[in-house]
Amino acid sequence: MSPEELIAEHVAPVADLARELRTLVRAAMADAEERVYPGWHGLGYIHPEAGYVCGIFPRGDHVRLGFEHGHLLPDPDGLLTAAGSQVRYVVVQPGTTLPATGIRDLIADAVELRAGR
């Protein structure tokens, strides 16, 4: 399954938002490998130095950007929601503006954290 095939399984507003988020993540981590995880129904991003950093998870009425070690990330914009003791998500609804600057900052911080910089 390709990333586009996974995304295309969703209604247009969710699919469009997932594509927009995918473009943002890929630009922020140009050297990361993108993998499709059918079991998780998501796209994972693996950085060459930091390993698995984040994933995009389209859902019925929203898209989640999950950070594996989100509990350790600074979140001055309050974008992250708790999902357990470790993982944190940015939840984006169709029709809202993607918080691009905050997401880019979270990605950069996650890479630095995971790469031990």
N, C-alpha and C. Protein backbone atom coordinates (compact mmCIF):
# COMPACT_ATOMS: atom_id res chain seq x y z
N MET A 1 0.85 -1.18 0.00
CA MET A 1 0.00 0.00 0.00
C MET A 1 0.89 1.24 0.00
N SER A 2 0.54 2.19 -0.81
CA SER A 2 1.29 3.43 -0.89
C SER A 2 0.71 4.45 0.11
N PRO A 3 1.47 5.50 0.43
CA PRO A 3 0.91 6.55 1.29
C PRO A 3 -0.38 7.13 0.72
N GLU A 4 -0.42 7.37 -0.58
CA GLU A 4 -1.62 7.96 -1.18
C GLU A 4 -2.80 7.01 -1.09
N GLU A 5 -2.57 5.71 -1.25
CA GLU A 5 -3.68 4.75 -1.13
C GLU A 5 -4.27 4.76 0.28
N LEU A 6 -3.41 4.85 1.29
CA LEU A 6 -3.88 4.92 2.67
C LEU A 6 -4.71 6.19 2.88
N ILE A 7 -4.19 7.31 2.44
CA ILE A 7 -4.87 8.59 2.61
C ILE A 7 -6.20 8.61 1.85
N ALA A 8 -6.21 8.03 0.65
CA ALA A 8 -7.40 8.06 -0.20
C ALA A 8 -8.57 7.28 0.38
N GLU A 9 -8.35 6.50 1.41
CA GLU A 9 -9.43 5.75 2.05
C GLU A 9 -10.36 6.65 2.86
N HIS A 10 -10.04 7.91 2.97
CA HIS A 10 -10.79 8.83 3.82
C HIS A 10 -11.61 9.81 3.01
N VAL A 11 -12.59 10.41 3.68
CA VAL A 11 -13.41 11.43 3.03
C VAL A 11 -12.50 12.58 2.62
N ALA A 12 -12.90 13.32 1.61
CA ALA A 12 -12.05 14.35 1.01
C ALA A 12 -11.47 15.35 2.01
N PRO A 13 -12.24 15.89 2.96
CA PRO A 13 -11.64 16.88 3.86
C PRO A 13 -10.52 16.30 4.74
N VAL A 14 -10.69 15.07 5.18
CA VAL A 14 -9.65 14.41 5.99
C VAL A 14 -8.46 14.05 5.11
N ALA A 15 -8.72 13.54 3.93
CA ALA A 15 -7.63 13.19 3.01
C ALA A 15 -6.82 14.41 2.62
N ASP A 16 -7.49 15.52 2.33
CA ASP A 16 -6.78 16.75 1.97
C ASP A 16 -5.91 17.24 3.12
N LEU A 17 -6.43 17.18 4.33
CA LEU A 17 -5.68 17.59 5.50
C LEU A 17 -4.48 16.67 5.73
N ALA A 18 -4.67 15.38 5.55
CA ALA A 18 -3.56 14.43 5.69
C ALA A 18 -2.47 14.71 4.65
N ARG A 19 -2.86 15.04 3.44
CA ARG A 19 -1.88 15.38 2.39
C ARG A 19 -1.11 16.65 2.76
N GLU A 20 -1.82 17.64 3.27
CA GLU A 20 -1.18 18.88 3.67
C GLU A 20 -0.18 18.64 4.81
N LEU A 21 -0.59 17.84 5.77
CA LEU A 21 0.29 17.51 6.89
C LEU A 21 1.49 16.69 6.42
N ARG A 22 1.25 15.77 5.50
CA ARG A 22 2.34 14.96 4.94
C ARG A 22 3.37 15.85 4.25
N THR A 23 2.92 16.82 3.47
CA THR A 23 3.83 17.74 2.81
C THR A 23 4.66 18.51 3.82
N LEU A 24 4.02 18.97 4.88
CA LEU A 24 4.71 19.72 5.93
C LEU A 24 5.77 18.86 6.63
N VAL A 25 5.40 17.64 6.99
CA VAL A 25 6.35 16.74 7.68
C VAL A 25 7.52 16.40 6.78
N ARG A 26 7.25 16.09 5.53
CA ARG A 26 8.32 15.73 4.61
C ARG A 26 9.27 16.89 4.35
N ALA A 27 8.75 18.10 4.33
CA ALA A 27 9.61 19.28 4.15
C ALA A 27 10.45 19.53 5.40
N ALA A 28 9.87 19.29 6.57
CA ALA A 28 10.58 19.52 7.83
C ALA A 28 11.66 18.46 8.08
N MET A 29 11.47 17.27 7.53
CA MET A 29 12.44 16.17 7.69
C MET A 29 12.72 15.57 6.32
N ALA A 30 13.37 16.33 5.47
CA ALA A 30 13.60 15.91 4.09
C ALA A 30 14.41 14.61 4.00
N ASP A 31 15.23 14.34 5.00
CA ASP A 31 16.07 13.14 4.96
C ASP A 31 15.43 11.94 5.64
N ALA A 32 14.19 12.08 6.10
CA ALA A 32 13.51 10.97 6.78
C ALA A 32 12.92 10.00 5.76
N GLU A 33 12.85 8.76 6.16
CA GLU A 33 12.19 7.73 5.37
C GLU A 33 10.72 7.69 5.76
N GLU A 34 9.85 7.63 4.77
CA GLU A 34 8.42 7.53 5.01
C GLU A 34 8.00 6.07 4.85
N ARG A 35 7.27 5.56 5.83
CA ARG A 35 6.79 4.18 5.77
C ARG A 35 5.29 4.15 6.00
N VAL A 36 4.63 3.23 5.31
CA VAL A 36 3.20 3.00 5.51
C VAL A 36 3.07 1.89 6.54
N TYR A 37 2.24 2.14 7.55
CA TYR A 37 1.94 1.14 8.58
C TYR A 37 0.46 0.81 8.50
N PRO A 38 0.10 -0.19 7.67
CA PRO A 38 -1.32 -0.51 7.51
C PRO A 38 -2.01 -0.90 8.82
N GLY A 39 -1.32 -1.62 9.69
CA GLY A 39 -1.91 -2.03 10.96
C GLY A 39 -2.26 -0.86 11.86
N TRP A 40 -1.44 0.17 11.83
CA TRP A 40 -1.70 1.39 12.61
C TRP A 40 -2.55 2.36 11.81
N HIS A 41 -2.73 2.09 10.55
CA HIS A 41 -3.39 2.97 9.59
C HIS A 41 -2.75 4.36 9.64
N GLY A 42 -1.44 4.33 9.37
CA GLY A 42 -0.72 5.60 9.43
C GLY A 42 0.54 5.59 8.59
N LEU A 43 1.16 6.75 8.56
CA LEU A 43 2.44 6.95 7.88
C LEU A 43 3.47 7.30 8.94
N GLY A 44 4.58 6.57 8.97
CA GLY A 44 5.63 6.83 9.94
C GLY A 44 6.84 7.48 9.28
N TYR A 45 7.54 8.28 10.08
CA TYR A 45 8.71 9.01 9.58
C TYR A 45 9.92 8.65 10.42
N ILE A 46 10.92 8.07 9.75
CA ILE A 46 12.12 7.56 10.40
C ILE A 46 13.30 8.41 9.96
N HIS A 47 13.89 9.10 10.91
CA HIS A 47 15.03 9.98 10.65
C HIS A 47 16.31 9.15 10.73
N PRO A 48 17.31 9.41 9.86
CA PRO A 48 18.53 8.61 9.85
C PRO A 48 19.31 8.63 11.17
N GLU A 49 19.23 9.72 11.93
CA GLU A 49 19.93 9.80 13.21
C GLU A 49 19.00 9.58 14.40
N ALA A 50 17.76 9.94 14.25
CA ALA A 50 16.84 9.95 15.39
C ALA A 50 15.90 8.74 15.43
N GLY A 51 15.84 7.95 14.37
CA GLY A 51 14.91 6.83 14.33
C GLY A 51 13.48 7.31 14.11
N TYR A 52 12.52 6.52 14.61
CA TYR A 52 11.11 6.88 14.44
C TYR A 52 10.83 8.16 15.23
N VAL A 53 10.36 9.18 14.54
CA VAL A 53 10.12 10.48 15.16
C VAL A 53 8.62 10.75 15.32
N CYS A 54 7.86 10.53 14.24
CA CYS A 54 6.45 10.87 14.30
C CYS A 54 5.68 10.08 13.25
N GLY A 55 4.36 10.18 13.34
CA GLY A 55 3.50 9.51 12.37
C GLY A 55 2.23 10.29 12.13
N ILE A 56 1.69 10.15 10.94
CA ILE A 56 0.43 10.78 10.56
C ILE A 56 -0.64 9.70 10.55
N PHE A 57 -1.75 9.99 11.25
CA PHE A 57 -2.82 9.01 11.40
C PHE A 57 -4.17 9.63 11.04
N PRO A 58 -4.60 9.45 9.77
CA PRO A 58 -5.93 9.95 9.40
C PRO A 58 -7.00 9.12 10.11
N ARG A 59 -8.05 9.80 10.56
CA ARG A 59 -9.16 9.14 11.23
C ARG A 59 -10.46 9.60 10.59
N GLY A 60 -11.56 9.18 11.09
CA GLY A 60 -12.85 9.47 10.47
C GLY A 60 -13.14 10.94 10.26
N ASP A 61 -12.83 11.77 11.28
CA ASP A 61 -13.17 13.19 11.17
C ASP A 61 -12.02 14.12 11.53
N HIS A 62 -10.80 13.58 11.62
CA HIS A 62 -9.63 14.39 11.97
C HIS A 62 -8.36 13.66 11.55
N VAL A 63 -7.23 14.33 11.72
CA VAL A 63 -5.93 13.72 11.45
C VAL A 63 -5.06 13.96 12.69
N ARG A 64 -4.33 12.94 13.09
CA ARG A 64 -3.42 13.04 14.22
C ARG A 64 -1.98 12.99 13.72
N LEU A 65 -1.16 13.85 14.31
CA LEU A 65 0.28 13.77 14.11
C LEU A 65 0.83 13.33 15.45
N GLY A 66 1.31 12.10 15.51
CA GLY A 66 1.77 11.53 16.78
C GLY A 66 3.28 11.58 16.92
N PHE A 67 3.72 11.95 18.12
CA PHE A 67 5.14 11.99 18.45
C PHE A 67 5.42 10.90 19.48
N GLU A 68 6.29 9.97 19.12
CA GLU A 68 6.59 8.81 19.95
C GLU A 68 7.00 9.21 21.37
N HIS A 69 7.81 10.23 21.50
CA HIS A 69 8.26 10.69 22.82
C HIS A 69 7.75 12.11 23.07
N GLY A 70 6.50 12.33 22.74
CA GLY A 70 5.90 13.64 22.87
C GLY A 70 5.87 14.18 24.29
N HIS A 71 5.85 13.28 25.27
CA HIS A 71 5.82 13.72 26.66
C HIS A 71 7.07 14.48 27.06
N LEU A 72 8.14 14.36 26.27
CA LEU A 72 9.41 15.04 26.57
C LEU A 72 9.60 16.33 25.77
N LEU A 73 8.67 16.62 24.88
CA LEU A 73 8.84 17.78 24.00
C LEU A 73 8.32 19.06 24.64
N PRO A 74 9.04 20.17 24.44
CA PRO A 74 8.47 21.45 24.85
C PRO A 74 7.26 21.76 23.95
N ASP A 75 6.23 22.33 24.53
CA ASP A 75 5.01 22.60 23.77
C ASP A 75 4.46 23.98 24.13
N PRO A 76 5.21 25.04 23.79
CA PRO A 76 4.77 26.38 24.18
C PRO A 76 3.44 26.81 23.55
N ASP A 77 3.07 26.20 22.42
CA ASP A 77 1.81 26.56 21.76
C ASP A 77 0.63 25.71 22.23
N GLY A 78 0.89 24.73 23.09
CA GLY A 78 -0.18 23.87 23.59
C GLY A 78 -0.84 23.02 22.53
N LEU A 79 -0.04 22.53 21.59
CA LEU A 79 -0.59 21.74 20.48
C LEU A 79 -0.78 20.27 20.82
N LEU A 80 -0.02 19.76 21.76
CA LEU A 80 0.00 18.32 22.03
C LEU A 80 -1.08 17.90 23.02
N THR A 81 -1.73 16.79 22.70
CA THR A 81 -2.70 16.19 23.60
C THR A 81 -2.13 14.87 24.10
N ALA A 82 -2.40 14.53 25.33
CA ALA A 82 -1.89 13.29 25.91
C ALA A 82 -2.68 12.10 25.41
N ALA A 83 -1.96 11.00 25.19
CA ALA A 83 -2.62 9.76 24.78
C ALA A 83 -2.15 8.60 25.64
N GLY A 84 -1.34 8.88 26.61
CA GLY A 84 -0.77 7.85 27.46
C GLY A 84 0.43 8.44 28.18
N SER A 85 1.30 7.57 28.63
CA SER A 85 2.45 8.06 29.40
C SER A 85 3.58 8.59 28.53
N GLN A 86 3.54 8.33 27.23
CA GLN A 86 4.66 8.70 26.38
C GLN A 86 4.26 9.44 25.11
N VAL A 87 3.33 8.89 24.35
CA VAL A 87 2.94 9.44 23.05
C VAL A 87 2.06 10.67 23.24
N ARG A 88 2.29 11.68 22.38
CA ARG A 88 1.44 12.87 22.35
C ARG A 88 1.08 13.15 20.89
N TYR A 89 -0.10 13.72 20.69
CA TYR A 89 -0.61 13.99 19.35
C TYR A 89 -0.94 15.47 19.16
N VAL A 90 -0.76 15.93 17.94
CA VAL A 90 -1.38 17.17 17.47
C VAL A 90 -2.60 16.69 16.70
N VAL A 91 -3.78 17.09 17.14
CA VAL A 91 -5.03 16.69 16.49
C VAL A 91 -5.53 17.88 15.67
N VAL A 92 -5.74 17.63 14.37
CA VAL A 92 -6.16 18.70 13.46
C VAL A 92 -7.49 18.29 12.82
N GLN A 93 -8.43 19.22 12.85
CA GLN A 93 -9.75 19.01 12.26
C GLN A 93 -9.80 19.67 10.88
N PRO A 94 -10.49 19.06 9.92
CA PRO A 94 -10.70 19.73 8.63
C PRO A 94 -11.38 21.08 8.85
N GLY A 95 -11.01 22.04 8.03
CA GLY A 95 -11.60 23.35 8.13
C GLY A 95 -10.86 24.29 9.08
N THR A 96 -9.83 23.76 9.76
CA THR A 96 -9.03 24.62 10.63
C THR A 96 -7.67 24.85 9.97
N THR A 97 -7.02 25.89 10.39
CA THR A 97 -5.70 26.20 9.85
C THR A 97 -4.65 25.29 10.49
N LEU A 98 -3.85 24.68 9.68
CA LEU A 98 -2.78 23.83 10.17
C LEU A 98 -1.74 24.70 10.89
N PRO A 99 -1.42 24.39 12.15
CA PRO A 99 -0.43 25.20 12.88
C PRO A 99 0.99 24.86 12.43
N ALA A 100 1.33 25.28 11.22
CA ALA A 100 2.57 24.85 10.56
C ALA A 100 3.82 25.20 11.34
N THR A 101 3.91 26.41 11.85
CA THR A 101 5.12 26.81 12.58
C THR A 101 5.30 25.96 13.83
N GLY A 102 4.24 25.79 14.58
CA GLY A 102 4.31 24.97 15.79
C GLY A 102 4.66 23.52 15.49
N ILE A 103 4.12 22.99 14.41
CA ILE A 103 4.43 21.61 14.03
C ILE A 103 5.89 21.47 13.60
N ARG A 104 6.37 22.43 12.82
CA ARG A 104 7.79 22.39 12.42
C ARG A 104 8.70 22.44 13.65
N ASP A 105 8.33 23.27 14.63
CA ASP A 105 9.13 23.36 15.86
C ASP A 105 9.11 22.04 16.63
N LEU A 106 7.94 21.40 16.72
CA LEU A 106 7.85 20.11 17.40
C LEU A 106 8.69 19.05 16.70
N ILE A 107 8.65 19.04 15.38
CA ILE A 107 9.45 18.07 14.62
C ILE A 107 10.93 18.30 14.87
N ALA A 108 11.37 19.55 14.79
CA ALA A 108 12.79 19.85 15.04
C ALA A 108 13.20 19.44 16.44
N ASP A 109 12.37 19.74 17.43
CA ASP A 109 12.68 19.35 18.81
C ASP A 109 12.70 17.84 18.97
N ALA A 110 11.77 17.14 18.31
CA ALA A 110 11.73 15.68 18.40
C ALA A 110 12.98 15.04 17.78
N VAL A 111 13.43 15.58 16.66
CA VAL A 111 14.65 15.06 16.02
C VAL A 111 15.83 15.29 16.95
N GLU A 112 15.95 16.48 17.50
CA GLU A 112 17.07 16.78 18.42
C GLU A 112 17.04 15.87 19.63
N LEU A 113 15.86 15.68 20.20
CA LEU A 113 15.72 14.82 21.37
C LEU A 113 16.15 13.39 21.06
N ARG A 114 15.61 12.85 19.98
CA ARG A 114 15.86 11.44 19.63
C ARG A 114 17.28 11.21 19.13
N ALA A 115 17.89 12.25 18.51
CA ALA A 115 19.26 12.09 18.00
C ALA A 115 20.29 12.37 19.09
N GLY A 116 19.83 12.82 20.24
CA GLY A 116 20.74 13.08 21.35
C GLY A 116 21.59 14.31 21.14
N ARG A 117 21.05 15.27 20.44
CA ARG A 117 21.81 16.50 20.16
C ARG A 117 21.72 17.47 21.32
